[in-house]
């Protein structure tokens, strides 16, 4: 199943009048102005998506900062976005897909097909000199049916005993425990491999081609048939890693609670230092985007 849609393909669909639901996930960690930025300019027809109220629920600290929403709540959200059964949905952000990937993952997990990330996001749309619209888009309610379970997930116990490759999608300095801006402990899950999401992207914030991503993940120990799971700070940018893995031809499970849950659970071991590192760098757009 294809993960990405190009700006040219989306523009062609819109010009041809093909029904397409467009979702704008304008969110980065620590910036509360995503909705204002959306109102000032978005792809025509795009519906705003709120990370904290629509793509996550709220629980105890040990559940993490962005627990998955309840299935019934997400079903209402999906229909409020105007999604009907069988619709083509294109999701974008202005942060290298670091936030949009969470919506992509949830829609796929909910059993919906034809869900795409806009490759390069809003920056690529602007670079193509395509028009932007202002103001709020209010969608007609849709009729899509949501059933969670299409994609794999693991919990903390499974992460602790993972018999495969566990990828940490955060910035390398957070993995190593040099800094921790959000969570109560610094470091990583013992045995996890450092795999910052920045390494999934070209300089223009489009995804690397499939062969480039395969080479990246092969260097981290991923091979056909590998059991792979991914975590990040709170289960947001880990979805970006899962999208990149799928482009490369691999399947991975998400640890939704991620480090924010793990580091709030007494007795969970914490490792620091280089450990079993792969590529080292910043997150998809630095720590400010990571969650």
C-alpha atoms as a PDB file:
ATOM      1  CA  UNK A   1       0.000   0.000   0.000  1.00  0.00           C
ATOM      2  CA  UNK A   2       1.414   3.397  -0.969  1.00  0.00           C
ATOM      3  CA  UNK A   3       2.233   5.760   1.891  1.00  0.00           C
ATOM      4  CA  UNK A   4       2.961   8.996   0.035  1.00  0.00           C
ATOM      5  CA  UNK A   5       1.194  11.296  -2.399  1.00  0.00           C
ATOM      6  CA  UNK A   6       3.140  13.972  -4.242  1.00  0.00           C
ATOM      7  CA  UNK A   7       2.068  17.601  -4.407  1.00  0.00           C
ATOM      8  CA  UNK A   8       1.633  17.222  -8.180  1.00  0.00           C
ATOM      9  CA  UNK A   9      -0.691  14.242  -7.736  1.00  0.00           C
ATOM     10  CA  UNK A  10      -2.790  15.998  -5.114  1.00  0.00           C
ATOM     11  CA  UNK A  11      -3.063  19.103  -7.288  1.00  0.00           C
ATOM     12  CA  UNK A  12      -4.149  16.951 -10.237  1.00  0.00           C
ATOM     13  CA  UNK A  13      -6.823  15.268  -8.123  1.00  0.00           C
ATOM     14  CA  UNK A  14      -8.188  18.612  -6.981  1.00  0.00           C
ATOM     15  CA  UNK A  15      -8.119  20.067 -10.497  1.00  0.00           C
ATOM     16  CA  UNK A  16     -10.003  17.023 -11.798  1.00  0.00           C
ATOM     17  CA  UNK A  17     -12.630  17.310  -9.067  1.00  0.00           C
ATOM     18  CA  UNK A  18     -11.793  13.922  -7.561  1.00  0.00           C
ATOM     19  CA  UNK A  19     -13.156  13.623  -4.042  1.00  0.00           C
ATOM     20  CA  UNK A  20     -10.254  14.028  -1.628  1.00  0.00           C
ATOM     21  CA  UNK A  21     -10.346  14.726   2.105  1.00  0.00           C
ATOM     22  CA  UNK A  22      -7.350  16.855   3.126  1.00  0.00           C
ATOM     23  CA  UNK A  23      -6.270  17.085   6.758  1.00  0.00           C
ATOM     24  CA  UNK A  24      -3.930  19.764   8.134  1.00  0.00           C
ATOM     25  CA  UNK A  25      -2.088  18.691  11.298  1.00  0.00           C
ATOM     26  CA  UNK A  26      -0.317  21.966  12.073  1.00  0.00           C
ATOM     27  CA  UNK A  27       1.415  21.038  15.335  1.00  0.00           C
ATOM     28  CA  UNK A  28       4.895  21.023  16.828  1.00  0.00           C
ATOM     29  CA  UNK A  29       5.838  20.399  20.439  1.00  0.00           C
ATOM     30  CA  UNK A  30       5.845  23.605  22.454  1.00  0.00           C
ATOM     31  CA  UNK A  31       4.062  25.736  19.825  1.00  0.00           C
ATOM     32  CA  UNK A  32       0.379  26.378  20.652  1.00  0.00           C
ATOM     33  CA  UNK A  33      -0.272  28.430  17.509  1.00  0.00           C
ATOM     34  CA  UNK A  34      -0.954  25.671  14.994  1.00  0.00           C
ATOM     35  CA  UNK A  35      -4.586  26.613  14.510  1.00  0.00           C
ATOM     36  CA  UNK A  36      -3.715  30.263  13.974  1.00  0.00           C
ATOM     37  CA  UNK A  37      -1.145  29.240  11.355  1.00  0.00           C
ATOM     38  CA  UNK A  38      -3.763  27.067   9.656  1.00  0.00           C
ATOM     39  CA  UNK A  39      -6.261  29.931   9.563  1.00  0.00           C
ATOM     40  CA  UNK A  40      -3.642  32.187   7.981  1.00  0.00           C
ATOM     41  CA  UNK A  41      -3.030  29.794   5.105  1.00  0.00           C
ATOM     42  CA  UNK A  42      -3.734  26.150   4.258  1.00  0.00           C
ATOM     43  CA  UNK A  43      -4.215  23.936   1.235  1.00  0.00           C
ATOM     44  CA  UNK A  44      -7.681  24.726  -0.147  1.00  0.00           C
ATOM     45  CA  UNK A  45     -10.310  22.470   1.390  1.00  0.00           C
ATOM     46  CA  UNK A  46      -8.078  21.220   4.220  1.00  0.00           C
ATOM     47  CA  UNK A  47      -9.718  20.562   7.568  1.00  0.00           C
ATOM     48  CA  UNK A  48      -7.731  21.434  10.690  1.00  0.00           C
ATOM     49  CA  UNK A  49      -6.742  18.547  12.975  1.00  0.00           C
ATOM     50  CA  UNK A  50      -5.958  19.164  16.636  1.00  0.00           C
ATOM     51  CA  UNK A  51      -3.259  16.879  18.004  1.00  0.00           C
ATOM     52  CA  UNK A  52      -4.157  17.014  21.683  1.00  0.00           C
ATOM     53  CA  UNK A  53      -7.942  16.766  21.471  1.00  0.00           C
ATOM     54  CA  UNK A  54      -8.427  14.626  18.339  1.00  0.00           C
ATOM     55  CA  UNK A  55      -5.324  12.449  17.938  1.00  0.00           C
ATOM     56  CA  UNK A  56      -4.802  11.665  21.620  1.00  0.00           C
ATOM     57  CA  UNK A  57      -6.663  11.079  24.846  1.00  0.00           C
ATOM     58  CA  UNK A  58      -5.667  12.086  28.358  1.00  0.00           C
ATOM     59  CA  UNK A  59      -4.742   9.713  31.146  1.00  0.00           C
ATOM     60  CA  UNK A  60      -2.365   9.199  34.026  1.00  0.00           C
ATOM     61  CA  UNK A  61       1.325  10.135  33.679  1.00  0.00           C
ATOM     62  CA  UNK A  62       2.205   6.451  33.402  1.00  0.00           C
ATOM     63  CA  UNK A  63      -0.001   6.273  30.271  1.00  0.00           C
ATOM     64  CA  UNK A  64       2.219   8.797  28.503  1.00  0.00           C
ATOM     65  CA  UNK A  65       1.664  12.306  27.172  1.00  0.00           C
ATOM     66  CA  UNK A  66      -0.330  11.312  24.079  1.00  0.00           C
ATOM     67  CA  UNK A  67      -2.259   8.088  24.719  1.00  0.00           C
ATOM     68  CA  UNK A  68      -4.259   6.812  21.783  1.00  0.00           C
ATOM     69  CA  UNK A  69      -7.828   8.145  21.643  1.00  0.00           C
ATOM     70  CA  UNK A  70     -10.658   5.782  22.461  1.00  0.00           C
ATOM     71  CA  UNK A  71     -12.052   4.048  19.383  1.00  0.00           C
ATOM     72  CA  UNK A  72     -15.507   5.593  19.846  1.00  0.00           C
ATOM     73  CA  UNK A  73     -14.078   9.099  20.224  1.00  0.00           C
ATOM     74  CA  UNK A  74     -11.900   8.714  17.158  1.00  0.00           C
ATOM     75  CA  UNK A  75     -14.861   7.420  15.155  1.00  0.00           C
ATOM     76  CA  UNK A  76     -16.724  10.663  15.920  1.00  0.00           C
ATOM     77  CA  UNK A  77     -13.647  12.673  14.997  1.00  0.00           C
ATOM     78  CA  UNK A  78     -13.182  10.879  11.670  1.00  0.00           C
ATOM     79  CA  UNK A  79     -16.774  11.521  10.687  1.00  0.00           C
ATOM     80  CA  UNK A  80     -16.475  15.166  11.796  1.00  0.00           C
ATOM     81  CA  UNK A  81     -13.538  15.527   9.401  1.00  0.00           C
ATOM     82  CA  UNK A  82     -15.955  14.581   6.618  1.00  0.00           C
ATOM     83  CA  UNK A  83     -14.497  11.179   5.804  1.00  0.00           C
ATOM     84  CA  UNK A  84     -16.785   8.689   4.089  1.00  0.00           C
ATOM     85  CA  UNK A  85     -16.144   5.002   3.521  1.00  0.00           C
ATOM     86  CA  UNK A  86     -13.783   4.601   0.575  1.00  0.00           C
ATOM     87  CA  UNK A  87     -12.548   8.197   0.537  1.00  0.00           C
ATOM     88  CA  UNK A  88      -9.002   9.121  -0.402  1.00  0.00           C
ATOM     89  CA  UNK A  89      -7.464  11.054   2.493  1.00  0.00           C
ATOM     90  CA  UNK A  90      -4.285  13.139   2.300  1.00  0.00           C
ATOM     91  CA  UNK A  91      -2.630  14.331   5.511  1.00  0.00           C
ATOM     92  CA  UNK A  92       0.035  17.020   5.805  1.00  0.00           C
ATOM     93  CA  UNK A  93       1.794  19.337   8.217  1.00  0.00           C
ATOM     94  CA  UNK A  94       4.560  21.925   8.051  1.00  0.00           C
ATOM     95  CA  UNK A  95       7.104  19.845   9.968  1.00  0.00           C
ATOM     96  CA  UNK A  96       8.363  17.088   7.689  1.00  0.00           C
ATOM     97  CA  UNK A  97       5.321  14.881   8.411  1.00  0.00           C
ATOM     98  CA  UNK A  98       6.381  14.473  12.056  1.00  0.00           C
ATOM     99  CA  UNK A  99       2.857  15.353  13.227  1.00  0.00           C
ATOM    100  CA  UNK A 100       0.855  14.320  10.146  1.00  0.00           C
ATOM    101  CA  UNK A 101       2.156  10.774  10.503  1.00  0.00           C
ATOM    102  CA  UNK A 102       0.200  10.394  13.752  1.00  0.00           C
ATOM    103  CA  UNK A 103      -3.078  11.040  11.891  1.00  0.00           C
ATOM    104  CA  UNK A 104      -1.950   8.774   9.030  1.00  0.00           C
ATOM    105  CA  UNK A 105      -1.165   5.972  11.490  1.00  0.00           C
ATOM    106  CA  UNK A 106      -4.428   6.333  13.406  1.00  0.00           C
ATOM    107  CA  UNK A 107      -6.529   6.312  10.234  1.00  0.00           C
ATOM    108  CA  UNK A 108      -4.724   3.205   9.025  1.00  0.00           C
ATOM    109  CA  UNK A 109      -5.054   1.595  12.469  1.00  0.00           C
ATOM    110  CA  UNK A 110      -8.767   2.378  12.289  1.00  0.00           C
ATOM    111  CA  UNK A 111      -9.123   0.233   9.177  1.00  0.00           C
ATOM    112  CA  UNK A 112      -9.398   2.980   6.577  1.00  0.00           C
ATOM    113  CA  UNK A 113      -7.646   2.531   3.234  1.00  0.00           C
ATOM    114  CA  UNK A 114      -6.335   5.116   0.752  1.00  0.00           C
ATOM    115  CA  UNK A 115      -4.630   7.197   3.455  1.00  0.00           C
ATOM    116  CA  UNK A 116      -1.601   9.183   2.277  1.00  0.00           C
ATOM    117  CA  UNK A 117       1.005  11.539   3.663  1.00  0.00           C
ATOM    118  CA  UNK A 118       1.636  14.543   1.422  1.00  0.00           C
ATOM    119  CA  UNK A 119       5.313  14.183   0.605  1.00  0.00           C
ATOM    120  CA  UNK A 120       7.086  17.378   1.594  1.00  0.00           C
ATOM    121  CA  UNK A 121       3.958  18.751   3.237  1.00  0.00           C
ATOM    122  CA  UNK A 122       2.977  22.400   3.126  1.00  0.00           C
ATOM    123  CA  UNK A 123       6.530  23.463   2.234  1.00  0.00           C
ATOM    124  CA  UNK A 124       6.369  21.442  -0.982  1.00  0.00           C
ATOM    125  CA  UNK A 125       2.949  22.898  -1.810  1.00  0.00           C
ATOM    126  CA  UNK A 126       4.314  26.408  -1.347  1.00  0.00           C
ATOM    127  CA  UNK A 127       7.448  25.592  -3.347  1.00  0.00           C
ATOM    128  CA  UNK A 128       5.203  24.574  -6.250  1.00  0.00           C
ATOM    129  CA  UNK A 129       3.602  28.044  -6.052  1.00  0.00           C
ATOM    130  CA  UNK A 130       0.162  26.555  -5.530  1.00  0.00           C
ATOM    131  CA  UNK A 131      -2.607  28.587  -3.890  1.00  0.00           C
ATOM    132  CA  UNK A 132      -3.418  28.723  -0.198  1.00  0.00           C
ATOM    133  CA  UNK A 133      -6.769  29.434   1.414  1.00  0.00           C
ATOM    134  CA  UNK A 134      -7.532  31.288   4.632  1.00  0.00           C
ATOM    135  CA  UNK A 135     -10.101  30.681   7.350  1.00  0.00           C
ATOM    136  CA  UNK A 136     -11.784  27.601   8.740  1.00  0.00           C
ATOM    137  CA  UNK A 137     -13.083  24.711   6.659  1.00  0.00           C
ATOM    138  CA  UNK A 138     -16.184  23.032   8.112  1.00  0.00           C
ATOM    139  CA  UNK A 139     -16.705  19.593   6.581  1.00  0.00           C
ATOM    140  CA  UNK A 140     -20.028  17.901   5.998  1.00  0.00           C
ATOM    141  CA  UNK A 141     -20.122  14.931   8.432  1.00  0.00           C
ATOM    142  CA  UNK A 142     -18.986  11.659   6.915  1.00  0.00           C
ATOM    143  CA  UNK A 143     -20.041   8.058   7.410  1.00  0.00           C
ATOM    144  CA  UNK A 144     -16.703   6.214   7.784  1.00  0.00           C
ATOM    145  CA  UNK A 145     -16.646   3.257  10.166  1.00  0.00           C
ATOM    146  CA  UNK A 146     -13.730   2.922  12.595  1.00  0.00           C
ATOM    147  CA  UNK A 147     -12.386  -0.332  14.010  1.00  0.00           C
ATOM    148  CA  UNK A 148      -8.990  -0.215  15.705  1.00  0.00           C
ATOM    149  CA  UNK A 149      -6.561  -3.068  15.258  1.00  0.00           C
ATOM    150  CA  UNK A 150      -5.324  -2.971  11.680  1.00  0.00           C
ATOM    151  CA  UNK A 151      -1.789  -1.967  12.718  1.00  0.00           C
ATOM    152  CA  UNK A 152       0.290  -3.521  15.464  1.00  0.00           C
ATOM    153  CA  UNK A 153       0.855  -2.010  18.905  1.00  0.00           C
ATOM    154  CA  UNK A 154       2.834  -3.060  21.968  1.00  0.00           C
ATOM    155  CA  UNK A 155       2.763  -2.017  25.614  1.00  0.00           C
ATOM    156  CA  UNK A 156       5.581  -1.401  28.071  1.00  0.00           C
ATOM    157  CA  UNK A 157       5.904  -5.036  29.097  1.00  0.00           C
ATOM    158  CA  UNK A 158       6.247  -6.089  25.468  1.00  0.00           C
ATOM    159  CA  UNK A 159       8.836  -3.356  24.898  1.00  0.00           C
ATOM    160  CA  UNK A 160      10.799  -4.591  27.906  1.00  0.00           C
ATOM    161  CA  UNK A 161      10.892  -8.111  26.515  1.00  0.00           C
ATOM    162  CA  UNK A 162      10.941  -7.336  22.799  1.00  0.00           C
ATOM    163  CA  UNK A 163      12.539 -10.218  20.917  1.00  0.00           C
ATOM    164  CA  UNK A 164      13.466  -8.199  17.871  1.00  0.00           C
ATOM    165  CA  UNK A 165      14.568  -4.701  16.952  1.00  0.00           C
ATOM    166  CA  UNK A 166      13.264  -1.823  19.059  1.00  0.00           C
ATOM    167  CA  UNK A 167      13.878   1.542  17.385  1.00  0.00           C
ATOM    168  CA  UNK A 168      14.005   4.826  19.335  1.00  0.00           C
ATOM    169  CA  UNK A 169      12.870   7.584  16.973  1.00  0.00           C
ATOM    170  CA  UNK A 170      13.890  10.532  19.170  1.00  0.00           C
ATOM    171  CA  UNK A 171      16.866  12.816  18.684  1.00  0.00           C
ATOM    172  CA  UNK A 172      20.185  11.161  19.446  1.00  0.00           C
ATOM    173  CA  UNK A 173      20.905  13.404  22.434  1.00  0.00           C
ATOM    174  CA  UNK A 174      17.631  12.365  24.068  1.00  0.00           C
ATOM    175  CA  UNK A 175      18.349   8.695  23.398  1.00  0.00           C
ATOM    176  CA  UNK A 176      21.780   9.053  24.980  1.00  0.00           C
ATOM    177  CA  UNK A 177      20.307  10.830  28.007  1.00  0.00           C
ATOM    178  CA  UNK A 178      22.221  14.068  27.480  1.00  0.00           C
ATOM    179  CA  UNK A 179      19.022  16.142  27.540  1.00  0.00           C
ATOM    180  CA  UNK A 180      15.396  15.470  28.395  1.00  0.00           C
ATOM    181  CA  UNK A 181      13.101  18.464  27.918  1.00  0.00           C
ATOM    182  CA  UNK A 182       9.757  16.755  28.585  1.00  0.00           C
ATOM    183  CA  UNK A 183       9.887  13.561  30.599  1.00  0.00           C
ATOM    184  CA  UNK A 184      10.964  12.712  34.172  1.00  0.00           C
ATOM    185  CA  UNK A 185      13.989  10.585  33.269  1.00  0.00           C
ATOM    186  CA  UNK A 186      16.637  10.885  30.569  1.00  0.00           C
ATOM    187  CA  UNK A 187      17.855   7.936  28.544  1.00  0.00           C
ATOM    188  CA  UNK A 188      16.335   5.070  26.598  1.00  0.00           C
ATOM    189  CA  UNK A 189      14.802   1.624  26.924  1.00  0.00           C
ATOM    190  CA  UNK A 190      17.636  -0.889  27.373  1.00  0.00           C
ATOM    191  CA  UNK A 191      18.419  -2.646  24.100  1.00  0.00           C
ATOM    192  CA  UNK A 192      16.741  -0.029  21.921  1.00  0.00           C
ATOM    193  CA  UNK A 193      18.556   1.225  18.826  1.00  0.00           C
ATOM    194  CA  UNK A 194      18.854   4.956  18.136  1.00  0.00           C
ATOM    195  CA  UNK A 195      17.092   5.828  14.873  1.00  0.00           C
ATOM    196  CA  UNK A 196      16.266   9.569  14.747  1.00  0.00           C
ATOM    197  CA  UNK A 197      13.469  10.420  12.365  1.00  0.00           C
ATOM    198  CA  UNK A 198      15.559  13.109  10.687  1.00  0.00           C
ATOM    199  CA  UNK A 199      17.388  10.339   8.859  1.00  0.00           C
ATOM    200  CA  UNK A 200      14.162   9.435   7.018  1.00  0.00           C
ATOM    201  CA  UNK A 201      14.113  12.747   5.160  1.00  0.00           C
ATOM    202  CA  UNK A 202      15.953  14.553   2.403  1.00  0.00           C
ATOM    203  CA  UNK A 203      16.994  18.197   2.973  1.00  0.00           C
ATOM    204  CA  UNK A 204      13.699  19.417   1.455  1.00  0.00           C
ATOM    205  CA  UNK A 205      11.825  17.298   4.034  1.00  0.00           C
ATOM    206  CA  UNK A 206      10.485  14.834   1.512  1.00  0.00           C
ATOM    207  CA  UNK A 207      11.010  11.176   2.393  1.00  0.00           C
ATOM    208  CA  UNK A 208      14.076   9.413   1.076  1.00  0.00           C
ATOM    209  CA  UNK A 209      13.337   6.990  -1.774  1.00  0.00           C
ATOM    210  CA  UNK A 210      12.484   3.426  -0.832  1.00  0.00           C
ATOM    211  CA  UNK A 211      15.957   2.068  -1.587  1.00  0.00           C
ATOM    212  CA  UNK A 212      17.562   4.773   0.538  1.00  0.00           C
ATOM    213  CA  UNK A 213      15.257   3.963   3.441  1.00  0.00           C
ATOM    214  CA  UNK A 214      15.922   0.245   3.053  1.00  0.00           C
ATOM    215  CA  UNK A 215      19.638   0.932   3.289  1.00  0.00           C
ATOM    216  CA  UNK A 216      19.102   3.117   6.366  1.00  0.00           C
ATOM    217  CA  UNK A 217      17.108   0.482   8.207  1.00  0.00           C
ATOM    218  CA  UNK A 218      19.376  -2.351   7.089  1.00  0.00           C
ATOM    219  CA  UNK A 219      22.243  -0.471   8.766  1.00  0.00           C
ATOM    220  CA  UNK A 220      20.165  -0.528  11.947  1.00  0.00           C
ATOM    221  CA  UNK A 221      19.718  -4.290  11.724  1.00  0.00           C
ATOM    222  CA  UNK A 222      16.298  -4.450  10.076  1.00  0.00           C
ATOM    223  CA  UNK A 223      15.938  -7.268   7.554  1.00  0.00           C
ATOM    224  CA  UNK A 224      13.005  -8.968   5.821  1.00  0.00           C
ATOM    225  CA  UNK A 225      11.050 -10.838   8.478  1.00  0.00           C
ATOM    226  CA  UNK A 226      12.475  -8.822  11.377  1.00  0.00           C
ATOM    227  CA  UNK A 227      10.189  -8.169  14.321  1.00  0.00           C
ATOM    228  CA  UNK A 228      10.343  -4.376  14.607  1.00  0.00           C
ATOM    229  CA  UNK A 229       8.749  -2.019  17.130  1.00  0.00           C
ATOM    230  CA  UNK A 230       9.145   1.741  17.434  1.00  0.00           C
ATOM    231  CA  UNK A 231       8.823   4.297  20.203  1.00  0.00           C
ATOM    232  CA  UNK A 232       9.605   8.005  20.582  1.00  0.00           C
ATOM    233  CA  UNK A 233       8.711  10.556  23.250  1.00  0.00           C
ATOM    234  CA  UNK A 234       4.969  10.019  23.339  1.00  0.00           C
ATOM    235  CA  UNK A 235       4.018   7.980  20.279  1.00  0.00           C
ATOM    236  CA  UNK A 236       3.781  10.817  17.740  1.00  0.00           C
ATOM    237  CA  UNK A 237       7.019  10.835  15.747  1.00  0.00           C
ATOM    238  CA  UNK A 238       7.265   7.052  16.104  1.00  0.00           C
ATOM    239  CA  UNK A 239       4.436   6.956  13.553  1.00  0.00           C
ATOM    240  CA  UNK A 240       6.754   8.807  11.175  1.00  0.00           C
ATOM    241  CA  UNK A 241       9.264   5.991  11.598  1.00  0.00           C
ATOM    242  CA  UNK A 242       6.583   3.392  10.893  1.00  0.00           C
ATOM    243  CA  UNK A 243       5.637   5.250   7.704  1.00  0.00           C
ATOM    244  CA  UNK A 244       9.287   5.277   6.607  1.00  0.00           C
ATOM    245  CA  UNK A 245       9.618   1.579   7.387  1.00  0.00           C
ATOM    246  CA  UNK A 246       6.520   0.834   5.323  1.00  0.00           C
ATOM    247  CA  UNK A 247       7.930   2.801   2.383  1.00  0.00           C
ATOM    248  CA  UNK A 248      11.047   0.639   2.717  1.00  0.00           C
ATOM    249  CA  UNK A 249       8.965  -2.537   2.727  1.00  0.00           C
ATOM    250  CA  UNK A 250       9.012  -3.331   6.448  1.00  0.00           C
ATOM    251  CA  UNK A 251       6.240  -3.657   9.032  1.00  0.00           C
ATOM    252  CA  UNK A 252       6.559  -2.305  12.566  1.00  0.00           C
ATOM    253  CA  UNK A 253       4.483  -2.063  15.723  1.00  0.00           C
ATOM    254  CA  UNK A 254       3.975   1.154  17.674  1.00  0.00           C
ATOM    255  CA  UNK A 255       4.569   1.543  21.411  1.00  0.00           C
ATOM    256  CA  UNK A 256       1.962   4.304  21.948  1.00  0.00           C
ATOM    257  CA  UNK A 257       3.031   5.267  25.469  1.00  0.00           C
ATOM    258  CA  UNK A 258       6.669   5.494  24.389  1.00  0.00           C
ATOM    259  CA  UNK A 259       9.296   7.115  26.611  1.00  0.00           C
ATOM    260  CA  UNK A 260       6.799   9.395  28.338  1.00  0.00           C
ATOM    261  CA  UNK A 261       4.979   6.328  29.688  1.00  0.00           C
ATOM    262  CA  UNK A 262       8.082   4.221  30.334  1.00  0.00           C
ATOM    263  CA  UNK A 263       9.884   6.943  32.296  1.00  0.00           C
ATOM    264  CA  UNK A 264       6.808   7.483  34.514  1.00  0.00           C
ATOM    265  CA  UNK A 265       6.497   3.813  35.495  1.00  0.00           C
ATOM    266  CA  UNK A 266       8.458   2.948  38.651  1.00  0.00           C
ATOM    267  CA  UNK A 267      10.869   0.077  38.249  1.00  0.00           C
ATOM    268  CA  UNK A 268      11.376   0.396  34.498  1.00  0.00           C
ATOM    269  CA  UNK A 269      15.118   0.230  33.734  1.00  0.00           C
ATOM    270  CA  UNK A 270      16.780   3.170  32.002  1.00  0.00           C
ATOM    271  CA  UNK A 271      19.912   3.058  29.854  1.00  0.00           C
ATOM    272  CA  UNK A 272      22.071   6.038  28.910  1.00  0.00           C
ATOM    273  CA  UNK A 273      24.964   6.630  26.572  1.00  0.00           C
ATOM    274  CA  UNK A 274      25.517   5.570  22.995  1.00  0.00           C
ATOM    275  CA  UNK A 275      24.279   2.033  23.584  1.00  0.00           C
ATOM    276  CA  UNK A 276      23.191   0.225  20.428  1.00  0.00           C
ATOM    277  CA  UNK A 277      23.116   3.325  18.290  1.00  0.00           C
ATOM    278  CA  UNK A 278      22.433   3.565  14.624  1.00  0.00           C
ATOM    279  CA  UNK A 279      22.314   6.905  12.870  1.00  0.00           C
ATOM    280  CA  UNK A 280      22.679   9.820  15.276  1.00  0.00           C
ATOM    281  CA  UNK A 281      21.192  13.245  14.720  1.00  0.00           C
ATOM    282  CA  UNK A 282      18.296  15.454  15.625  1.00  0.00           C
ATOM    283  CA  UNK A 283      14.611  14.633  15.311  1.00  0.00           C
ATOM    284  CA  UNK A 284      12.629  15.299  12.142  1.00  0.00           C
ATOM    285  CA  UNK A 285      12.815  19.005  12.925  1.00  0.00           C
ATOM    286  CA  UNK A 286      14.813  18.943  16.139  1.00  0.00           C
ATOM    287  CA  UNK A 287      13.579  18.431  19.690  1.00  0.00           C
ATOM    288  CA  UNK A 288      10.911  21.100  19.238  1.00  0.00           C
ATOM    289  CA  UNK A 289       8.925  18.780  17.003  1.00  0.00           C
ATOM    290  CA  UNK A 290       9.489  15.590  18.921  1.00  0.00           C
ATOM    291  CA  UNK A 291       6.783  14.126  21.082  1.00  0.00           C
END
